[in-house]
């Protein structure tokens, strides 16, 4: 609907602009009057042209603003797909430097439609953890969900403590499901790292 509306609006807008341009560039009629007698008509003609240009500009602005609001409303009506963690299991919440923590992840779609471009991203907070902790297999690009109750199968994510910034460091580990860059689910747990 939006595309056809914009095409129609462009057609009428361009038609109006071409009409005004034709009117501006049309050859003047020869008459026996002197230039001083034509002056009021020229003023009236210029005034009408300015009124037409202002009207066209107002119509163009109204069409653009209307299209913007239609698109915003359409985007708000689209809800996030129902794709959630079915399993998010952690084997340990405390590890020492050199040890690993495994997170078992399984994602399920409850949508009747095909869902592609889904992924799971594992993050740690606060940021700046990279020198001390490594995360394997993140982000996880999920396979295509072909219908309702489709599942990814179990995927293992390993979090390894390579060093510790202090005697003990606590991170908030988050697993986030995204479908086309829209967050659909989140799970989290605290991870403590000892030296």
C-alpha atoms as a PDB file:
ATOM      1  CA  UNK A   1       0.000   0.000   0.000  1.00  0.00           C
ATOM      2  CA  UNK A   2       2.758   2.475   0.916  1.00  0.00           C
ATOM      3  CA  UNK A   3       4.666   2.011  -2.349  1.00  0.00           C
ATOM      4  CA  UNK A   4       1.574   2.527  -4.525  1.00  0.00           C
ATOM      5  CA  UNK A   5       0.580   5.559  -2.457  1.00  0.00           C
ATOM      6  CA  UNK A   6       4.009   7.134  -2.929  1.00  0.00           C
ATOM      7  CA  UNK A   7       3.973   6.431  -6.683  1.00  0.00           C
ATOM      8  CA  UNK A   8       0.563   8.115  -7.025  1.00  0.00           C
ATOM      9  CA  UNK A   9       1.683  11.081  -4.914  1.00  0.00           C
ATOM     10  CA  UNK A  10       4.829  11.480  -6.997  1.00  0.00           C
ATOM     11  CA  UNK A  11       2.769  11.383 -10.194  1.00  0.00           C
ATOM     12  CA  UNK A  12       0.450  14.185  -9.067  1.00  0.00           C
ATOM     13  CA  UNK A  13       3.328  16.192  -7.624  1.00  0.00           C
ATOM     14  CA  UNK A  14       5.364  15.969 -10.830  1.00  0.00           C
ATOM     15  CA  UNK A  15       2.283  16.755 -12.922  1.00  0.00           C
ATOM     16  CA  UNK A  16       1.665  19.926 -10.897  1.00  0.00           C
ATOM     17  CA  UNK A  17       5.296  21.000 -11.117  1.00  0.00           C
ATOM     18  CA  UNK A  18       5.406  20.454 -14.877  1.00  0.00           C
ATOM     19  CA  UNK A  19       2.190  22.490 -15.271  1.00  0.00           C
ATOM     20  CA  UNK A  20       3.687  25.407 -13.321  1.00  0.00           C
ATOM     21  CA  UNK A  21       6.922  25.229 -15.297  1.00  0.00           C
ATOM     22  CA  UNK A  22       4.984  25.225 -18.558  1.00  0.00           C
ATOM     23  CA  UNK A  23       2.990  28.235 -17.410  1.00  0.00           C
ATOM     24  CA  UNK A  24       6.207  30.064 -16.491  1.00  0.00           C
ATOM     25  CA  UNK A  25       7.953  29.328 -19.778  1.00  0.00           C
ATOM     26  CA  UNK A  26       4.965  29.755 -22.104  1.00  0.00           C
ATOM     27  CA  UNK A  27       5.512  32.415 -24.775  1.00  0.00           C
ATOM     28  CA  UNK A  28       3.861  35.706 -24.004  1.00  0.00           C
ATOM     29  CA  UNK A  29       1.083  36.836 -26.316  1.00  0.00           C
ATOM     30  CA  UNK A  30       1.699  39.803 -28.474  1.00  0.00           C
ATOM     31  CA  UNK A  31      -0.586  42.703 -27.897  1.00  0.00           C
ATOM     32  CA  UNK A  32      -0.749  46.320 -28.766  1.00  0.00           C
ATOM     33  CA  UNK A  33      -0.603  47.398 -25.138  1.00  0.00           C
ATOM     34  CA  UNK A  34       2.377  49.173 -23.688  1.00  0.00           C
ATOM     35  CA  UNK A  35       4.466  47.585 -20.909  1.00  0.00           C
ATOM     36  CA  UNK A  36       2.893  49.832 -18.296  1.00  0.00           C
ATOM     37  CA  UNK A  37      -0.552  48.427 -19.138  1.00  0.00           C
ATOM     38  CA  UNK A  38       0.694  44.827 -18.722  1.00  0.00           C
ATOM     39  CA  UNK A  39       2.147  45.394 -15.302  1.00  0.00           C
ATOM     40  CA  UNK A  40      -0.952  44.457 -13.218  1.00  0.00           C
ATOM     41  CA  UNK A  41      -1.437  41.267 -15.217  1.00  0.00           C
ATOM     42  CA  UNK A  42       2.208  40.284 -14.770  1.00  0.00           C
ATOM     43  CA  UNK A  43       1.935  40.845 -11.039  1.00  0.00           C
ATOM     44  CA  UNK A  44      -1.197  38.732 -10.919  1.00  0.00           C
ATOM     45  CA  UNK A  45       0.517  36.007 -12.957  1.00  0.00           C
ATOM     46  CA  UNK A  46       3.571  36.006 -10.659  1.00  0.00           C
ATOM     47  CA  UNK A  47       1.329  35.938  -7.586  1.00  0.00           C
ATOM     48  CA  UNK A  48      -0.604  32.940  -8.949  1.00  0.00           C
ATOM     49  CA  UNK A  49       2.629  31.125  -9.735  1.00  0.00           C
ATOM     50  CA  UNK A  50       3.939  31.716  -6.211  1.00  0.00           C
ATOM     51  CA  UNK A  51       0.646  30.487  -4.729  1.00  0.00           C
ATOM     52  CA  UNK A  52       0.870  27.346  -6.881  1.00  0.00           C
ATOM     53  CA  UNK A  53       4.486  26.695  -5.820  1.00  0.00           C
ATOM     54  CA  UNK A  54       3.607  27.119  -2.130  1.00  0.00           C
ATOM     55  CA  UNK A  55       0.595  24.787  -2.532  1.00  0.00           C
ATOM     56  CA  UNK A  56       2.763  22.160  -4.208  1.00  0.00           C
ATOM     57  CA  UNK A  57       5.375  22.422  -1.454  1.00  0.00           C
ATOM     58  CA  UNK A  58       2.693  22.012   1.227  1.00  0.00           C
ATOM     59  CA  UNK A  59       1.264  18.961  -0.579  1.00  0.00           C
ATOM     60  CA  UNK A  60       4.724  17.405  -0.882  1.00  0.00           C
ATOM     61  CA  UNK A  61       5.426  17.963   2.808  1.00  0.00           C
ATOM     62  CA  UNK A  62       2.039  16.508   3.796  1.00  0.00           C
ATOM     63  CA  UNK A  63       2.612  13.433   1.637  1.00  0.00           C
ATOM     64  CA  UNK A  64       6.092  12.886   3.058  1.00  0.00           C
ATOM     65  CA  UNK A  65       4.935  13.285   6.664  1.00  0.00           C
ATOM     66  CA  UNK A  66       1.942  11.003   6.036  1.00  0.00           C
ATOM     67  CA  UNK A  67       4.166   8.302   4.559  1.00  0.00           C
ATOM     68  CA  UNK A  68       6.522   8.563   7.550  1.00  0.00           C
ATOM     69  CA  UNK A  69       3.674   8.041  10.028  1.00  0.00           C
ATOM     70  CA  UNK A  70       2.281   5.116   8.020  1.00  0.00           C
ATOM     71  CA  UNK A  71       5.681   3.400   8.083  1.00  0.00           C
ATOM     72  CA  UNK A  72       6.082   4.029  11.821  1.00  0.00           C
ATOM     73  CA  UNK A  73       2.667   2.549  12.537  1.00  0.00           C
ATOM     74  CA  UNK A  74       3.443  -0.468  10.362  1.00  0.00           C
ATOM     75  CA  UNK A  75       6.715  -1.082  12.216  1.00  0.00           C
ATOM     76  CA  UNK A  76       5.007  -0.836  15.615  1.00  0.00           C
ATOM     77  CA  UNK A  77       2.384  -3.394  14.577  1.00  0.00           C
ATOM     78  CA  UNK A  78       5.081  -5.970  13.901  1.00  0.00           C
ATOM     79  CA  UNK A  79       5.680  -7.799  17.161  1.00  0.00           C
ATOM     80  CA  UNK A  80       8.847  -9.658  17.979  1.00  0.00           C
ATOM     81  CA  UNK A  81       8.602 -13.309  16.917  1.00  0.00           C
ATOM     82  CA  UNK A  82       8.030 -15.862  19.658  1.00  0.00           C
ATOM     83  CA  UNK A  83      11.498 -17.450  19.573  1.00  0.00           C
ATOM     84  CA  UNK A  84      12.739 -18.295  23.075  1.00  0.00           C
ATOM     85  CA  UNK A  85      15.292 -20.327  24.967  1.00  0.00           C
ATOM     86  CA  UNK A  86      13.981 -23.806  25.633  1.00  0.00           C
ATOM     87  CA  UNK A  87      17.184 -24.734  27.474  1.00  0.00           C
ATOM     88  CA  UNK A  88      19.780 -22.476  29.063  1.00  0.00           C
ATOM     89  CA  UNK A  89      21.769 -24.633  31.482  1.00  0.00           C
ATOM     90  CA  UNK A  90      25.005 -23.671  33.220  1.00  0.00           C
ATOM     91  CA  UNK A  91      27.318 -26.350  34.640  1.00  0.00           C
ATOM     92  CA  UNK A  92      29.252 -24.025  37.043  1.00  0.00           C
ATOM     93  CA  UNK A  93      28.859 -20.504  38.300  1.00  0.00           C
ATOM     94  CA  UNK A  94      32.317 -20.315  39.911  1.00  0.00           C
ATOM     95  CA  UNK A  95      35.546 -21.147  38.081  1.00  0.00           C
ATOM     96  CA  UNK A  96      39.268 -20.615  38.602  1.00  0.00           C
ATOM     97  CA  UNK A  97      41.707 -19.166  36.094  1.00  0.00           C
ATOM     98  CA  UNK A  98      42.355 -21.805  33.415  1.00  0.00           C
ATOM     99  CA  UNK A  99      38.979 -23.531  33.910  1.00  0.00           C
ATOM    100  CA  UNK A 100      35.950 -23.424  31.643  1.00  0.00           C
ATOM    101  CA  UNK A 101      32.244 -23.085  32.198  1.00  0.00           C
ATOM    102  CA  UNK A 102      29.844 -24.708  29.712  1.00  0.00           C
ATOM    103  CA  UNK A 103      26.460 -23.275  28.832  1.00  0.00           C
ATOM    104  CA  UNK A 104      24.010 -25.592  27.083  1.00  0.00           C
ATOM    105  CA  UNK A 105      21.625 -23.684  24.803  1.00  0.00           C
ATOM    106  CA  UNK A 106      18.532 -24.857  22.893  1.00  0.00           C
ATOM    107  CA  UNK A 107      16.161 -22.411  21.186  1.00  0.00           C
ATOM    108  CA  UNK A 108      12.554 -23.063  20.135  1.00  0.00           C
ATOM    109  CA  UNK A 109      10.235 -21.187  17.784  1.00  0.00           C
ATOM    110  CA  UNK A 110       6.519 -21.012  18.563  1.00  0.00           C
ATOM    111  CA  UNK A 111       5.698 -19.259  15.280  1.00  0.00           C
ATOM    112  CA  UNK A 112       3.736 -20.886  12.444  1.00  0.00           C
ATOM    113  CA  UNK A 113       5.913 -19.128   9.879  1.00  0.00           C
ATOM    114  CA  UNK A 114       9.473 -19.759   8.731  1.00  0.00           C
ATOM    115  CA  UNK A 115      12.026 -17.892  10.855  1.00  0.00           C
ATOM    116  CA  UNK A 116      15.477 -17.302   9.443  1.00  0.00           C
ATOM    117  CA  UNK A 117      18.293 -14.959  10.440  1.00  0.00           C
ATOM    118  CA  UNK A 118      18.116 -15.900  14.131  1.00  0.00           C
ATOM    119  CA  UNK A 119      21.138 -15.973  16.410  1.00  0.00           C
ATOM    120  CA  UNK A 120      22.214 -16.290  20.033  1.00  0.00           C
ATOM    121  CA  UNK A 121      24.790 -13.853  21.372  1.00  0.00           C
ATOM    122  CA  UNK A 122      26.643 -14.444  24.639  1.00  0.00           C
ATOM    123  CA  UNK A 123      27.917 -11.324  26.408  1.00  0.00           C
ATOM    124  CA  UNK A 124      29.612 -10.508  29.689  1.00  0.00           C
ATOM    125  CA  UNK A 125      29.158  -7.375  31.741  1.00  0.00           C
ATOM    126  CA  UNK A 126      30.918  -5.198  32.721  1.00  0.00           C
ATOM    127  CA  UNK A 127      32.668  -4.647  29.428  1.00  0.00           C
ATOM    128  CA  UNK A 128      36.430  -4.905  29.141  1.00  0.00           C
ATOM    129  CA  UNK A 129      36.471  -8.623  29.980  1.00  0.00           C
ATOM    130  CA  UNK A 130      38.285  -9.645  26.782  1.00  0.00           C
ATOM    131  CA  UNK A 131      41.801  -9.943  28.310  1.00  0.00           C
ATOM    132  CA  UNK A 132      40.494 -12.178  31.112  1.00  0.00           C
ATOM    133  CA  UNK A 133      37.693 -14.304  29.627  1.00  0.00           C
ATOM    134  CA  UNK A 134      37.170 -15.964  26.245  1.00  0.00           C
ATOM    135  CA  UNK A 135      33.832 -17.090  24.845  1.00  0.00           C
ATOM    136  CA  UNK A 136      33.767 -19.839  22.252  1.00  0.00           C
ATOM    137  CA  UNK A 137      31.023 -20.223  19.675  1.00  0.00           C
ATOM    138  CA  UNK A 138      29.449 -16.777  20.027  1.00  0.00           C
ATOM    139  CA  UNK A 139      27.486 -15.502  18.202  1.00  0.00           C
ATOM    140  CA  UNK A 140      25.684 -18.690  17.272  1.00  0.00           C
ATOM    141  CA  UNK A 141      23.918 -18.455  13.916  1.00  0.00           C
ATOM    142  CA  UNK A 142      20.792 -20.579  14.371  1.00  0.00           C
ATOM    143  CA  UNK A 143      19.378 -22.810  11.632  1.00  0.00           C
ATOM    144  CA  UNK A 144      16.133 -21.902   9.878  1.00  0.00           C
ATOM    145  CA  UNK A 145      12.993 -22.621  11.919  1.00  0.00           C
ATOM    146  CA  UNK A 146      10.535 -24.241   9.495  1.00  0.00           C
ATOM    147  CA  UNK A 147       7.404 -23.979  11.634  1.00  0.00           C
ATOM    148  CA  UNK A 148       5.841 -24.159  15.042  1.00  0.00           C
ATOM    149  CA  UNK A 149       7.800 -25.985  17.779  1.00  0.00           C
ATOM    150  CA  UNK A 150      10.950 -26.112  15.642  1.00  0.00           C
ATOM    151  CA  UNK A 151      14.123 -26.384  17.745  1.00  0.00           C
ATOM    152  CA  UNK A 152      17.791 -25.811  17.126  1.00  0.00           C
ATOM    153  CA  UNK A 153      19.087 -28.762  19.087  1.00  0.00           C
ATOM    154  CA  UNK A 154      21.557 -28.421  21.936  1.00  0.00           C
ATOM    155  CA  UNK A 155      24.532 -26.146  21.338  1.00  0.00           C
ATOM    156  CA  UNK A 156      27.415 -25.824  23.796  1.00  0.00           C
ATOM    157  CA  UNK A 157      29.078 -22.474  24.535  1.00  0.00           C
ATOM    158  CA  UNK A 158      32.311 -22.543  26.511  1.00  0.00           C
ATOM    159  CA  UNK A 159      33.429 -19.639  28.707  1.00  0.00           C
ATOM    160  CA  UNK A 160      37.100 -19.898  29.752  1.00  0.00           C
ATOM    161  CA  UNK A 161      38.869 -17.796  32.390  1.00  0.00           C
ATOM    162  CA  UNK A 162      42.288 -16.915  30.952  1.00  0.00           C
ATOM    163  CA  UNK A 163      43.229 -14.499  33.760  1.00  0.00           C
ATOM    164  CA  UNK A 164      41.615 -12.483  36.534  1.00  0.00           C
ATOM    165  CA  UNK A 165      41.778  -8.718  36.991  1.00  0.00           C
ATOM    166  CA  UNK A 166      41.636  -9.174  40.779  1.00  0.00           C
ATOM    167  CA  UNK A 167      41.593 -11.921  43.397  1.00  0.00           C
ATOM    168  CA  UNK A 168      37.956 -12.448  42.522  1.00  0.00           C
ATOM    169  CA  UNK A 169      35.927 -11.044  39.639  1.00  0.00           C
ATOM    170  CA  UNK A 170      32.176 -11.338  39.113  1.00  0.00           C
ATOM    171  CA  UNK A 171      30.659 -11.033  35.639  1.00  0.00           C
ATOM    172  CA  UNK A 172      27.048 -11.045  34.538  1.00  0.00           C
ATOM    173  CA  UNK A 173      26.779 -13.524  31.650  1.00  0.00           C
ATOM    174  CA  UNK A 174      23.860 -12.948  29.287  1.00  0.00           C
ATOM    175  CA  UNK A 175      22.518 -15.123  26.509  1.00  0.00           C
ATOM    176  CA  UNK A 176      20.358 -13.119  24.100  1.00  0.00           C
ATOM    177  CA  UNK A 177      18.223 -14.447  21.231  1.00  0.00           C
ATOM    178  CA  UNK A 178      17.894 -12.129  18.228  1.00  0.00           C
ATOM    179  CA  UNK A 179      15.643 -12.554  15.181  1.00  0.00           C
ATOM    180  CA  UNK A 180      16.561 -10.039  12.451  1.00  0.00           C
ATOM    181  CA  UNK A 181      18.225  -7.788  15.046  1.00  0.00           C
ATOM    182  CA  UNK A 182      15.144  -7.817  17.302  1.00  0.00           C
ATOM    183  CA  UNK A 183      15.701  -9.205  20.794  1.00  0.00           C
ATOM    184  CA  UNK A 184      13.209 -11.973  21.560  1.00  0.00           C
ATOM    185  CA  UNK A 185      14.581 -13.567  24.761  1.00  0.00           C
ATOM    186  CA  UNK A 186      17.321 -13.138  27.358  1.00  0.00           C
ATOM    187  CA  UNK A 187      18.754 -15.365  30.098  1.00  0.00           C
ATOM    188  CA  UNK A 188      21.529 -14.446  32.514  1.00  0.00           C
ATOM    189  CA  UNK A 189      23.599 -15.737  35.428  1.00  0.00           C
ATOM    190  CA  UNK A 190      26.482 -14.475  37.571  1.00  0.00           C
ATOM    191  CA  UNK A 191      29.935 -15.959  36.884  1.00  0.00           C
ATOM    192  CA  UNK A 192      32.629 -15.691  39.561  1.00  0.00           C
ATOM    193  CA  UNK A 193      36.302 -16.114  38.599  1.00  0.00           C
ATOM    194  CA  UNK A 194      38.932 -16.853  41.272  1.00  0.00           C
ATOM    195  CA  UNK A 195      42.696 -16.691  40.856  1.00  0.00           C
END
